[in-house]
Amino acid sequence: MRMVRYIAVLVLVYIGSKAFATNACSGFSTLRQVNDTVKKDSADSDTTDDDLNRMFAFGLEYASDQTQYGLHNNVKIPYLEPNFTYTAPKGFYITLSEQYLLPKKVAGFDAFCLNPGWDIDFGDNTTLDFSYTHYTFPSKSPNFIRSSLSNSLESFVEQWLGNLRGKFTIDYNIYKQKKTPNDIMFTPQLMYKFKWKLSEKTALKFKPEVSVDFGTRNFYTEYLQAVQADSVSKNPKAKPKTIASNANSSFGTLDYNIALPLDFAICKFDLEPAFNYPHPLYTPSNLPNPPTAYFTFSVIYTISTK
C-alpha cells in the first residue's frame, strides 16, 4: 500500500513539474485536524482567470504541534507535511499529503491523505464545496494519530462580502471499528482579509479568523482507547479499563479556534506563518485537556496553465 502511495505522488509531481517548466517565475490553506489544502479560495486569489486555468500547487508545512477539535495529546507532536494539489478548470481538485513526524521516538512518514473534491462557483463570491478524504495510518503511529478513522465527507459554503468571508463547514468522520459511532461536526467561521500591495508581484496579507466547532465527541473515545491499549502493552500486569463505545457520543460544543496567519505573496510563492490557538470547550473528567497554542509555517508554490 505504501508503495502505491509513493508511485501516485511521483506521478502527480511529474505532471506538475511539466507545468513548472513552462511557467517559470519572471521577476521575483486521525486524530488530528487535517489542515486546509493548499488550493486557494476563489475570491482570495490575485489571478483573474483562475476559472480558465489548470492550477498546480506544491506545498510544505511545518507545525510545532497539532490538535483535533480542541483535543490535545499529552506530549507535543510537531511535523512536516509535503502536499500537492491539482485543480481543474471546472473546479475539481485532488490533494495528496503525508505527515512526517519529527519527535525521535516516532519519526517518519505518517497520516497519508487522499482528498478529491469539487468547488461549485455560484457567482457573487459564493462557493459550495464537496470533498472526500481517505486516511491511512501505520500501525506504529503514536496514540494521538493512530485511530480507526478511515474516511471523511465534507461540505462547506462560503460567501465573501468585500474582504470579509463567512464559511460554514459540515464534516462526517467514518471509523473502521463498527463499535465506534461516527462523528458529525459543524463549524461556522469568520475571516477578514487585510491586504497591502507592495509591488506588481508582491503583496502582504493578514487574515485573522475565528471559528467554533460543534459536534459529537466519539474521537475522544478513540483516543482514550488508544492510550489504554498502549499503557497495557507497556505494562502487561495492568488491567484494561472498560470504556463504553458511546461514552462521548453526546452532541455539543467542542472548541473555539483563533488563527492569525500572515501571507507574504511573491510572484507564485506564498510564505505563510501563523499563530493558532484552539481552546477546548469539552473537558471530560477522565481526560485532562488544557488549552494549547502552536505555530505553523507554510511555503506554497502555485502555477497555472491553459
C-alpha atoms as a PDB file:
ATOM      1  CA  MET A   1       0.000   0.000   0.000  1.00  0.00           C
ATOM      2  CA  ARG A   2       2.788   2.432   0.877  1.00  0.00           C
ATOM      3  CA  MET A   3       4.497   1.727  -2.462  1.00  0.00           C
ATOM      4  CA  VAL A   4       1.262   2.546  -4.312  1.00  0.00           C
ATOM      5  CA  ARG A   5       1.023   5.827  -2.422  1.00  0.00           C
ATOM      6  CA  TYR A   6       4.548   6.856  -3.332  1.00  0.00           C
ATOM      7  CA  ILE A   7       4.029   5.945  -7.009  1.00  0.00           C
ATOM      8  CA  ALA A   8       0.882   8.096  -7.060  1.00  0.00           C
ATOM      9  CA  VAL A   9       2.769  11.027  -5.532  1.00  0.00           C
ATOM     10  CA  LEU A  10       5.611  10.688  -8.049  1.00  0.00           C
ATOM     11  CA  VAL A  11       3.191  10.607 -10.989  1.00  0.00           C
ATOM     12  CA  LEU A  12       1.461  13.783  -9.851  1.00  0.00           C
ATOM     13  CA  VAL A  13       4.739  15.522  -9.113  1.00  0.00           C
ATOM     14  CA  TYR A  14       5.915  14.609 -12.629  1.00  0.00           C
ATOM     15  CA  ILE A  15       2.775  16.186 -14.126  1.00  0.00           C
ATOM     16  CA  GLY A  16       3.309  19.297 -12.020  1.00  0.00           C
ATOM     17  CA  SER A  17       6.988  19.520 -12.985  1.00  0.00           C
ATOM     18  CA  LYS A  18       5.988  19.703 -16.667  1.00  0.00           C
ATOM     19  CA  ALA A  19       3.802  22.694 -15.893  1.00  0.00           C
ATOM     20  CA  PHE A  20       6.579  24.211 -13.769  1.00  0.00           C
ATOM     21  CA  ALA A  21       8.960  24.089 -16.728  1.00  0.00           C
ATOM     22  CA  THR A  22       6.639  26.228 -18.854  1.00  0.00           C
ATOM     23  CA  ASN A  23       5.712  28.738 -16.130  1.00  0.00           C
ATOM     24  CA  ALA A  24       8.975  29.916 -14.599  1.00  0.00           C
ATOM     25  CA  CYS A  25       8.546  32.925 -12.339  1.00  0.00           C
ATOM     26  CA  SER A  26       9.609  36.150 -14.105  1.00  0.00           C
ATOM     27  CA  GLY A  27      10.706  38.712 -11.568  1.00  0.00           C
ATOM     28  CA  PHE A  28      10.640  37.898  -8.181  1.00  0.00           C
ATOM     29  CA  SER A  29      -4.648  26.758   3.383  1.00  0.00           C
ATOM     30  CA  THR A  30      -6.937  10.980  12.603  1.00  0.00           C
ATOM     31  CA  LEU A  31      -6.946  12.079  15.447  1.00  0.00           C
ATOM     32  CA  ARG A  32      -5.699  15.218  14.068  1.00  0.00           C
ATOM     33  CA  GLN A  33      -7.460  18.091  12.408  1.00  0.00           C
ATOM     34  CA  VAL A  34      -6.438  17.991   8.767  1.00  0.00           C
ATOM     35  CA  ASN A  35      -5.109  21.350   7.592  1.00  0.00           C
ATOM     36  CA  ASP A  36      -6.713  23.326   4.784  1.00  0.00           C
ATOM     37  CA  THR A  37      -5.473  22.188   1.406  1.00  0.00           C
ATOM     38  CA  VAL A  38      -3.031  24.361  -0.498  1.00  0.00           C
ATOM     39  CA  LYS A  39      -5.673  25.266  -3.079  1.00  0.00           C
ATOM     40  CA  LYS A  40      -6.767  28.886  -2.865  1.00  0.00           C
ATOM     41  CA  ASP A  41     -10.227  30.245  -2.218  1.00  0.00           C
ATOM     42  CA  SER A  42     -11.564  31.632  -5.487  1.00  0.00           C
ATOM     43  CA  ALA A  43     -12.287  35.085  -4.072  1.00  0.00           C
ATOM     44  CA  ASP A  44      -8.935  35.218  -2.295  1.00  0.00           C
ATOM     45  CA  SER A  45      -6.872  34.726  -5.439  1.00  0.00           C
ATOM     46  CA  ASP A  46      -4.989  37.509  -7.164  1.00  0.00           C
ATOM     47  CA  THR A  47      -5.370  35.805 -10.542  1.00  0.00           C
ATOM     48  CA  THR A  48      -8.390  36.931 -12.567  1.00  0.00           C
ATOM     49  CA  ASP A  49      -8.583  33.933 -14.922  1.00  0.00           C
ATOM     50  CA  ASP A  50      -8.364  31.048 -12.453  1.00  0.00           C
ATOM     51  CA  ASP A  51     -11.583  29.522 -13.814  1.00  0.00           C
ATOM     52  CA  LEU A  52      -9.933  29.141 -17.232  1.00  0.00           C
ATOM     53  CA  ASN A  53      -6.700  27.615 -15.938  1.00  0.00           C
ATOM     54  CA  ARG A  54      -5.388  24.405 -14.517  1.00  0.00           C
ATOM     55  CA  MET A  55      -3.752  25.044 -11.165  1.00  0.00           C
ATOM     56  CA  PHE A  56      -0.842  23.140  -9.646  1.00  0.00           C
ATOM     57  CA  ALA A  57       0.210  23.855  -6.067  1.00  0.00           C
ATOM     58  CA  PHE A  58       3.185  22.383  -4.233  1.00  0.00           C
ATOM     59  CA  GLY A  59       3.401  22.997  -0.503  1.00  0.00           C
ATOM     60  CA  LEU A  60       5.376  22.205   2.607  1.00  0.00           C
ATOM     61  CA  GLU A  61       4.038  22.935   6.075  1.00  0.00           C
ATOM     62  CA  TYR A  62       5.740  22.861   9.454  1.00  0.00           C
ATOM     63  CA  ALA A  63       3.708  22.762  12.676  1.00  0.00           C
ATOM     64  CA  SER A  64       5.080  22.885  16.208  1.00  0.00           C
ATOM     65  CA  ASP A  65       2.137  20.817  17.474  1.00  0.00           C
ATOM     66  CA  GLN A  66      -1.333  19.619  16.472  1.00  0.00           C
ATOM     67  CA  THR A  67      -4.845  19.295  17.865  1.00  0.00           C
ATOM     68  CA  GLN A  68      -8.116  17.619  16.905  1.00  0.00           C
ATOM     69  CA  TYR A  69     -11.151  19.826  17.528  1.00  0.00           C
ATOM     70  CA  GLY A  70      -9.528  21.028  20.759  1.00  0.00           C
ATOM     71  CA  LEU A  71      -8.236  17.604  21.835  1.00  0.00           C
ATOM     72  CA  HIS A  72      -4.511  17.795  22.574  1.00  0.00           C
ATOM     73  CA  ASN A  73      -2.114  14.913  23.140  1.00  0.00           C
ATOM     74  CA  ASN A  74      -0.172  14.665  26.408  1.00  0.00           C
ATOM     75  CA  VAL A  75       3.059  15.375  24.501  1.00  0.00           C
ATOM     76  CA  LYS A  76       3.778  17.645  21.566  1.00  0.00           C
ATOM     77  CA  ILE A  77       3.911  16.065  18.099  1.00  0.00           C
ATOM     78  CA  PRO A  78       5.490  18.546  15.645  1.00  0.00           C
ATOM     79  CA  TYR A  79       5.543  17.567  11.990  1.00  0.00           C
ATOM     80  CA  LEU A  80       6.403  18.454   8.406  1.00  0.00           C
ATOM     81  CA  GLU A  81       3.783  17.872   5.730  1.00  0.00           C
ATOM     82  CA  PRO A  82       4.562  17.918   1.986  1.00  0.00           C
ATOM     83  CA  ASN A  83       1.457  18.250  -0.166  1.00  0.00           C
ATOM     84  CA  PHE A  84       0.383  18.614  -3.768  1.00  0.00           C
ATOM     85  CA  THR A  85      -2.907  19.890  -5.209  1.00  0.00           C
ATOM     86  CA  TYR A  86      -4.185  19.804  -8.769  1.00  0.00           C
ATOM     87  CA  THR A  87      -7.219  21.944  -9.628  1.00  0.00           C
ATOM     88  CA  ALA A  88      -9.059  21.514 -12.930  1.00  0.00           C
ATOM     89  CA  PRO A  89     -10.724  24.420 -14.808  1.00  0.00           C
ATOM     90  CA  LYS A  90     -14.242  23.376 -13.746  1.00  0.00           C
ATOM     91  CA  GLY A  91     -13.449  23.278 -10.027  1.00  0.00           C
ATOM     92  CA  PHE A  92     -12.473  19.638  -9.497  1.00  0.00           C
ATOM     93  CA  TYR A  93      -9.364  19.237  -7.343  1.00  0.00           C
ATOM     94  CA  ILE A  94      -7.332  16.480  -5.754  1.00  0.00           C
ATOM     95  CA  THR A  95      -4.810  16.793  -2.938  1.00  0.00           C
ATOM     96  CA  LEU A  96      -2.155  14.365  -1.748  1.00  0.00           C
ATOM     97  CA  SER A  97      -0.369  14.896   1.547  1.00  0.00           C
ATOM     98  CA  GLU A  98       1.615  12.897   4.061  1.00  0.00           C
ATOM     99  CA  GLN A  99       2.666  13.940   7.503  1.00  0.00           C
ATOM    100  CA  TYR A 100       6.263  13.437   8.621  1.00  0.00           C
ATOM    101  CA  LEU A 101       6.534  13.274  12.412  1.00  0.00           C
ATOM    102  CA  LEU A 102       9.580  14.951  13.953  1.00  0.00           C
ATOM    103  CA  PRO A 103       9.889  13.505  17.529  1.00  0.00           C
ATOM    104  CA  LYS A 104      12.742  10.972  17.626  1.00  0.00           C
ATOM    105  CA  LYS A 105      10.694   8.120  19.094  1.00  0.00           C
ATOM    106  CA  VAL A 106       8.091   8.228  16.319  1.00  0.00           C
ATOM    107  CA  ALA A 107       9.976   9.985  13.491  1.00  0.00           C
ATOM    108  CA  GLY A 108       8.866   9.039   9.987  1.00  0.00           C
ATOM    109  CA  PHE A 109       6.093   9.440   7.430  1.00  0.00           C
ATOM    110  CA  ASP A 110       2.585   9.065   8.781  1.00  0.00           C
ATOM    111  CA  ALA A 111      -1.066  10.059   8.225  1.00  0.00           C
ATOM    112  CA  PHE A 112      -1.316   9.845   4.425  1.00  0.00           C
ATOM    113  CA  CYS A 113      -4.344  11.686   2.998  1.00  0.00           C
ATOM    114  CA  LEU A 114      -6.017  11.461  -0.402  1.00  0.00           C
ATOM    115  CA  ASN A 115      -8.535  14.294  -0.840  1.00  0.00           C
ATOM    116  CA  PRO A 116     -10.549  14.768  -4.062  1.00  0.00           C
ATOM    117  CA  GLY A 117     -13.244  17.433  -4.158  1.00  0.00           C
ATOM    118  CA  TRP A 118     -15.237  19.858  -6.241  1.00  0.00           C
ATOM    119  CA  ASP A 119     -15.771  23.607  -5.892  1.00  0.00           C
ATOM    120  CA  ILE A 120     -19.017  24.928  -7.407  1.00  0.00           C
ATOM    121  CA  ASP A 121     -18.996  28.668  -8.107  1.00  0.00           C
ATOM    122  CA  PHE A 122     -22.407  30.331  -7.809  1.00  0.00           C
ATOM    123  CA  GLY A 123     -21.141  33.803  -8.639  1.00  0.00           C
ATOM    124  CA  ASP A 124     -21.367  36.794  -6.320  1.00  0.00           C
ATOM    125  CA  ASN A 125     -18.322  35.382  -4.488  1.00  0.00           C
ATOM    126  CA  THR A 126     -20.253  32.328  -3.271  1.00  0.00           C
ATOM    127  CA  THR A 127     -18.722  28.839  -3.391  1.00  0.00           C
ATOM    128  CA  LEU A 128     -20.146  25.440  -2.494  1.00  0.00           C
ATOM    129  CA  ASP A 129     -17.650  22.610  -1.928  1.00  0.00           C
ATOM    130  CA  PHE A 130     -17.956  18.823  -1.654  1.00  0.00           C
ATOM    131  CA  SER A 131     -14.955  16.642  -0.819  1.00  0.00           C
ATOM    132  CA  TYR A 132     -13.943  13.173   0.329  1.00  0.00           C
ATOM    133  CA  THR A 133     -10.801  12.284   2.281  1.00  0.00           C
ATOM    134  CA  HIS A 134      -9.279   8.840   2.748  1.00  0.00           C
ATOM    135  CA  TYR A 135      -6.780   8.365   5.585  1.00  0.00           C
ATOM    136  CA  THR A 136      -4.082   5.746   6.034  1.00  0.00           C
ATOM    137  CA  PHE A 137      -2.230   5.370   9.353  1.00  0.00           C
ATOM    138  CA  PRO A 138       0.668   2.968  10.014  1.00  0.00           C
ATOM    139  CA  SER A 139       0.250   0.588  12.934  1.00  0.00           C
ATOM    140  CA  LYS A 140       3.185   2.241  14.721  1.00  0.00           C
ATOM    141  CA  SER A 141       1.552   5.669  14.838  1.00  0.00           C
ATOM    142  CA  PRO A 142       1.533   7.348  18.271  1.00  0.00           C
ATOM    143  CA  ASN A 143      -1.724   7.352  20.215  1.00  0.00           C
ATOM    144  CA  PHE A 144      -2.804  10.793  19.152  1.00  0.00           C
ATOM    145  CA  ILE A 145      -2.609   9.959  15.456  1.00  0.00           C
ATOM    146  CA  ARG A 146      -3.415   6.253  15.417  1.00  0.00           C
ATOM    147  CA  SER A 147      -7.156   5.668  15.206  1.00  0.00           C
ATOM    148  CA  SER A 148      -9.673   3.738  13.188  1.00  0.00           C
ATOM    149  CA  LEU A 149     -10.548   6.924  11.276  1.00  0.00           C
ATOM    150  CA  SER A 150     -10.801   5.821   7.681  1.00  0.00           C
ATOM    151  CA  ASN A 151     -12.814   8.305   5.649  1.00  0.00           C
ATOM    152  CA  SER A 152     -14.296  11.755   5.929  1.00  0.00           C
ATOM    153  CA  LEU A 153     -17.014  13.525   3.957  1.00  0.00           C
ATOM    154  CA  GLU A 154     -17.031  17.299   3.984  1.00  0.00           C
ATOM    155  CA  SER A 155     -19.101  20.090   2.525  1.00  0.00           C
ATOM    156  CA  PHE A 156     -18.883  23.821   3.028  1.00  0.00           C
ATOM    157  CA  VAL A 157     -20.411  27.001   1.697  1.00  0.00           C
ATOM    158  CA  GLU A 158     -18.512  30.279   1.796  1.00  0.00           C
ATOM    159  CA  GLN A 159     -19.533  33.821   0.998  1.00  0.00           C
ATOM    160  CA  TRP A 160     -17.276  36.836   0.515  1.00  0.00           C
ATOM    161  CA  LEU A 161     -18.576  40.328   1.338  1.00  0.00           C
ATOM    162  CA  GLY A 162     -15.722  42.589   0.381  1.00  0.00           C
ATOM    163  CA  ASN A 163     -12.799  41.412   2.489  1.00  0.00           C
ATOM    164  CA  LEU A 164     -14.999  39.521   4.970  1.00  0.00           C
ATOM    165  CA  ARG A 165     -15.528  35.795   4.432  1.00  0.00           C
ATOM    166  CA  GLY A 166     -18.184  33.716   6.140  1.00  0.00           C
ATOM    167  CA  LYS A 167     -17.838  29.954   5.925  1.00  0.00           C
ATOM    168  CA  PHE A 168     -19.931  27.062   7.259  1.00  0.00           C
ATOM    169  CA  THR A 169     -18.500  23.525   7.165  1.00  0.00           C
ATOM    170  CA  ILE A 170     -20.048  20.107   7.834  1.00  0.00           C
ATOM    171  CA  ASP A 171     -17.772  17.089   8.406  1.00  0.00           C
ATOM    172  CA  TYR A 172     -18.771  13.453   8.768  1.00  0.00           C
ATOM    173  CA  ASN A 173     -15.935  11.232  10.035  1.00  0.00           C
ATOM    174  CA  ILE A 174     -16.194   7.479   9.463  1.00  0.00           C
ATOM    175  CA  TYR A 175     -14.349   4.932  11.626  1.00  0.00           C
ATOM    176  CA  LYS A 176     -13.276   1.410  10.702  1.00  0.00           C
ATOM    177  CA  GLN A 177     -14.328  -0.021  14.044  1.00  0.00           C
ATOM    178  CA  LYS A 178     -18.076  -0.606  13.864  1.00  0.00           C
ATOM    179  CA  LYS A 179     -18.341  -0.342  17.645  1.00  0.00           C
ATOM    180  CA  THR A 180     -17.216   3.300  17.485  1.00  0.00           C
ATOM    181  CA  PRO A 181     -20.037   5.604  16.312  1.00  0.00           C
ATOM    182  CA  ASN A 182     -19.120   8.020  13.544  1.00  0.00           C
ATOM    183  CA  ASP A 183     -18.728  11.738  14.228  1.00  0.00           C
ATOM    184  CA  ILE A 184     -20.513  14.707  12.710  1.00  0.00           C
ATOM    185  CA  MET A 185     -19.074  18.230  13.076  1.00  0.00           C
ATOM    186  CA  PHE A 186     -20.408  21.719  12.287  1.00  0.00           C
ATOM    187  CA  THR A 187     -18.002  24.666  12.027  1.00  0.00           C
ATOM    188  CA  PRO A 188     -19.029  28.299  11.421  1.00  0.00           C
ATOM    189  CA  GLN A 189     -16.051  30.545  10.653  1.00  0.00           C
ATOM    190  CA  LEU A 190     -15.353  34.226  10.039  1.00  0.00           C
ATOM    191  CA  MET A 191     -12.218  35.599   8.400  1.00  0.00           C
ATOM    192  CA  TYR A 192     -11.235  39.156   7.438  1.00  0.00           C
ATOM    193  CA  LYS A 193      -8.501  39.873   4.914  1.00  0.00           C
ATOM    194  CA  PHE A 194      -6.213  42.888   5.185  1.00  0.00           C
ATOM    195  CA  LYS A 195      -4.093  43.309   2.061  1.00  0.00           C
ATOM    196  CA  TRP A 196      -1.207  45.597   1.164  1.00  0.00           C
ATOM    197  CA  LYS A 197       0.106  45.686  -2.412  1.00  0.00           C
ATOM    198  CA  LEU A 198       3.885  46.072  -2.159  1.00  0.00           C
ATOM    199  CA  SER A 199       4.675  45.895  -5.862  1.00  0.00           C
ATOM    200  CA  GLU A 200       3.285  44.417  -9.067  1.00  0.00           C
ATOM    201  CA  LYS A 201       4.216  40.879  -8.000  1.00  0.00           C
ATOM    202  CA  THR A 202       4.335  41.062  -4.210  1.00  0.00           C
ATOM    203  CA  ALA A 203       1.651  41.526  -1.588  1.00  0.00           C
ATOM    204  CA  LEU A 204       1.246  41.104   2.157  1.00  0.00           C
ATOM    205  CA  LYS A 205      -1.995  39.737   3.618  1.00  0.00           C
ATOM    206  CA  PHE A 206      -3.111  39.421   7.212  1.00  0.00           C
ATOM    207  CA  LYS A 207      -6.104  37.092   7.551  1.00  0.00           C
ATOM    208  CA  PRO A 208      -7.269  36.701  11.177  1.00  0.00           C
ATOM    209  CA  GLU A 209     -10.037  34.148  11.593  1.00  0.00           C
ATOM    210  CA  VAL A 210     -12.171  32.710  14.357  1.00  0.00           C
ATOM    211  CA  SER A 211     -14.249  29.533  14.337  1.00  0.00           C
ATOM    212  CA  VAL A 212     -16.293  27.377  16.702  1.00  0.00           C
ATOM    213  CA  ASP A 213     -16.661  23.592  16.396  1.00  0.00           C
ATOM    214  CA  PHE A 214     -19.839  21.756  17.378  1.00  0.00           C
ATOM    215  CA  GLY A 215     -20.395  18.028  17.106  1.00  0.00           C
ATOM    216  CA  THR A 216     -20.236  14.566  18.619  1.00  0.00           C
ATOM    217  CA  ARG A 217     -17.159  13.553  20.602  1.00  0.00           C
ATOM    218  CA  ASN A 218     -16.534   9.920  19.661  1.00  0.00           C
ATOM    219  CA  PHE A 219     -12.950  10.779  18.686  1.00  0.00           C
ATOM    220  CA  TYR A 220     -12.322  11.293  22.414  1.00  0.00           C
ATOM    221  CA  THR A 221     -13.310   7.653  22.971  1.00  0.00           C
ATOM    222  CA  GLU A 222     -10.974   6.633  20.131  1.00  0.00           C
ATOM    223  CA  TYR A 223      -8.121   8.490  21.795  1.00  0.00           C
ATOM    224  CA  LEU A 224      -8.803   7.069  25.272  1.00  0.00           C
ATOM    225  CA  GLN A 225      -8.959   3.523  23.904  1.00  0.00           C
ATOM    226  CA  ALA A 226      -5.618   4.027  22.122  1.00  0.00           C
ATOM    227  CA  VAL A 227      -3.989   5.379  25.290  1.00  0.00           C
ATOM    228  CA  GLN A 228      -5.386   2.464  27.276  1.00  0.00           C
ATOM    229  CA  ALA A 229      -4.128  -0.131  24.774  1.00  0.00           C
ATOM    230  CA  ASP A 230      -0.686   1.484  24.772  1.00  0.00           C
ATOM    231  CA  SER A 231      -0.405   1.535  28.578  1.00  0.00           C
ATOM    232  CA  VAL A 232      -1.451  -2.118  28.821  1.00  0.00           C
ATOM    233  CA  SER A 233       1.083  -3.179  26.181  1.00  0.00           C
ATOM    234  CA  LYS A 234       3.865  -1.441  28.136  1.00  0.00           C
ATOM    235  CA  ASN A 235       2.702  -2.941  31.423  1.00  0.00           C
ATOM    236  CA  PRO A 236       1.247  -6.441  30.864  1.00  0.00           C
ATOM    237  CA  LYS A 237       0.140  -6.588  34.515  1.00  0.00           C
ATOM    238  CA  ALA A 238      -2.100  -3.557  34.097  1.00  0.00           C
ATOM    239  CA  LYS A 239      -5.789  -4.282  33.813  1.00  0.00           C
ATOM    240  CA  PRO A 240      -7.512  -2.573  30.873  1.00  0.00           C
ATOM    241  CA  LYS A 241     -10.249  -0.146  31.826  1.00  0.00           C
ATOM    242  CA  THR A 242     -13.655  -0.511  30.269  1.00  0.00           C
ATOM    243  CA  ILE A 243     -14.569   2.446  28.057  1.00  0.00           C
ATOM    244  CA  ALA A 244     -18.068   2.400  26.616  1.00  0.00           C
ATOM    245  CA  SER A 245     -18.067   2.874  22.849  1.00  0.00           C
ATOM    246  CA  ASN A 246     -20.730   5.579  23.149  1.00  0.00           C
ATOM    247  CA  ALA A 247     -19.208   7.282  26.199  1.00  0.00           C
ATOM    248  CA  ASN A 248     -18.675  10.504  24.219  1.00  0.00           C
ATOM    249  CA  SER A 249     -21.472  10.338  21.679  1.00  0.00           C
ATOM    250  CA  SER A 250     -23.282  13.384  23.026  1.00  0.00           C
ATOM    251  CA  PHE A 251     -23.537  16.457  20.799  1.00  0.00           C
ATOM    252  CA  GLY A 252     -22.268  19.844  21.934  1.00  0.00           C
ATOM    253  CA  THR A 253     -19.520  22.437  21.687  1.00  0.00           C
ATOM    254  CA  LEU A 254     -16.008  21.113  21.078  1.00  0.00           C
ATOM    255  CA  ASP A 255     -13.707  24.135  20.936  1.00  0.00           C
ATOM    256  CA  TYR A 256     -13.163  27.588  19.530  1.00  0.00           C
ATOM    257  CA  ASN A 257     -10.173  28.495  17.385  1.00  0.00           C
ATOM    258  CA  ILE A 258      -8.295  31.720  16.769  1.00  0.00           C
ATOM    259  CA  ALA A 259      -5.804  31.801  13.884  1.00  0.00           C
ATOM    260  CA  LEU A 260      -3.545  34.735  12.996  1.00  0.00           C
ATOM    261  CA  PRO A 261      -1.869  33.988   9.648  1.00  0.00           C
ATOM    262  CA  LEU A 262       0.330  36.292   7.592  1.00  0.00           C
ATOM    263  CA  ASP A 263       0.606  35.620   3.859  1.00  0.00           C
ATOM    264  CA  PHE A 264       3.570  37.102   2.011  1.00  0.00           C
ATOM    265  CA  ALA A 265       2.993  36.539  -1.726  1.00  0.00           C
ATOM    266  CA  ILE A 266       5.998  36.801  -4.045  1.00  0.00           C
ATOM    267  CA  CYS A 267       5.033  36.079  -7.635  1.00  0.00           C
ATOM    268  CA  LYS A 268       3.851  32.449  -7.478  1.00  0.00           C
ATOM    269  CA  PHE A 269       5.137  31.802  -3.951  1.00  0.00           C
ATOM    270  CA  ASP A 270       3.229  32.206  -0.706  1.00  0.00           C
ATOM    271  CA  LEU A 271       5.043  32.246   2.644  1.00  0.00           C
ATOM    272  CA  GLU A 272       2.560  31.903   5.467  1.00  0.00           C
ATOM    273  CA  PRO A 273       3.488  31.881   9.160  1.00  0.00           C
ATOM    274  CA  ALA A 274       0.536  31.548  11.533  1.00  0.00           C
ATOM    275  CA  PHE A 275      -0.240  31.527  15.237  1.00  0.00           C
ATOM    276  CA  ASN A 276      -3.020  29.096  16.218  1.00  0.00           C
ATOM    277  CA  TYR A 277      -4.923  28.925  19.479  1.00  0.00           C
ATOM    278  CA  PRO A 278      -7.574  26.190  19.899  1.00  0.00           C
ATOM    279  CA  HIS A 279      -9.391  26.329  23.238  1.00  0.00           C
ATOM    280  CA  PRO A 280     -11.266  23.128  24.247  1.00  0.00           C
ATOM    281  CA  LEU A 281     -14.859  23.556  25.400  1.00  0.00           C
ATOM    282  CA  TYR A 282     -15.404  19.864  26.134  1.00  0.00           C
ATOM    283  CA  THR A 283     -13.420  18.677  29.151  1.00  0.00           C
ATOM    284  CA  PRO A 284     -14.351  15.170  30.359  1.00  0.00           C
ATOM    285  CA  SER A 285     -13.223  14.381  33.905  1.00  0.00           C
ATOM    286  CA  ASN A 286     -11.160  11.355  32.824  1.00  0.00           C
ATOM    287  CA  LEU A 287      -9.054  13.318  30.330  1.00  0.00           C
ATOM    288  CA  PRO A 288      -7.053  16.431  31.305  1.00  0.00           C
ATOM    289  CA  ASN A 289      -7.072  18.656  28.228  1.00  0.00           C
ATOM    290  CA  PRO A 290      -5.738  22.175  28.897  1.00  0.00           C
ATOM    291  CA  PRO A 291      -5.738  24.874  26.187  1.00  0.00           C
ATOM    292  CA  THR A 292      -2.720  24.945  23.906  1.00  0.00           C
ATOM    293  CA  ALA A 293      -1.194  27.090  21.184  1.00  0.00           C
ATOM    294  CA  TYR A 294       1.097  26.239  18.322  1.00  0.00           C
ATOM    295  CA  PHE A 295       2.900  27.777  15.361  1.00  0.00           C
ATOM    296  CA  THR A 296       2.729  26.798  11.701  1.00  0.00           C
ATOM    297  CA  PHE A 297       4.728  27.891   8.683  1.00  0.00           C
ATOM    298  CA  SER A 298       3.770  27.039   5.101  1.00  0.00           C
ATOM    299  CA  VAL A 299       5.562  27.528   1.795  1.00  0.00           C
ATOM    300  CA  ILE A 300       3.351  27.179  -1.292  1.00  0.00           C
ATOM    301  CA  TYR A 301       4.228  27.410  -4.975  1.00  0.00           C
ATOM    302  CA  THR A 302       1.235  27.806  -7.303  1.00  0.00           C
ATOM    303  CA  ILE A 303       1.312  27.684 -11.101  1.00  0.00           C
ATOM    304  CA  SER A 304      -1.346  27.691 -13.776  1.00  0.00           C
ATOM    305  CA  THR A 305      -1.538  26.520 -17.389  1.00  0.00           C
ATOM    306  CA  LYS A 306      -4.152  26.895 -20.110  1.00  0.00           C
END
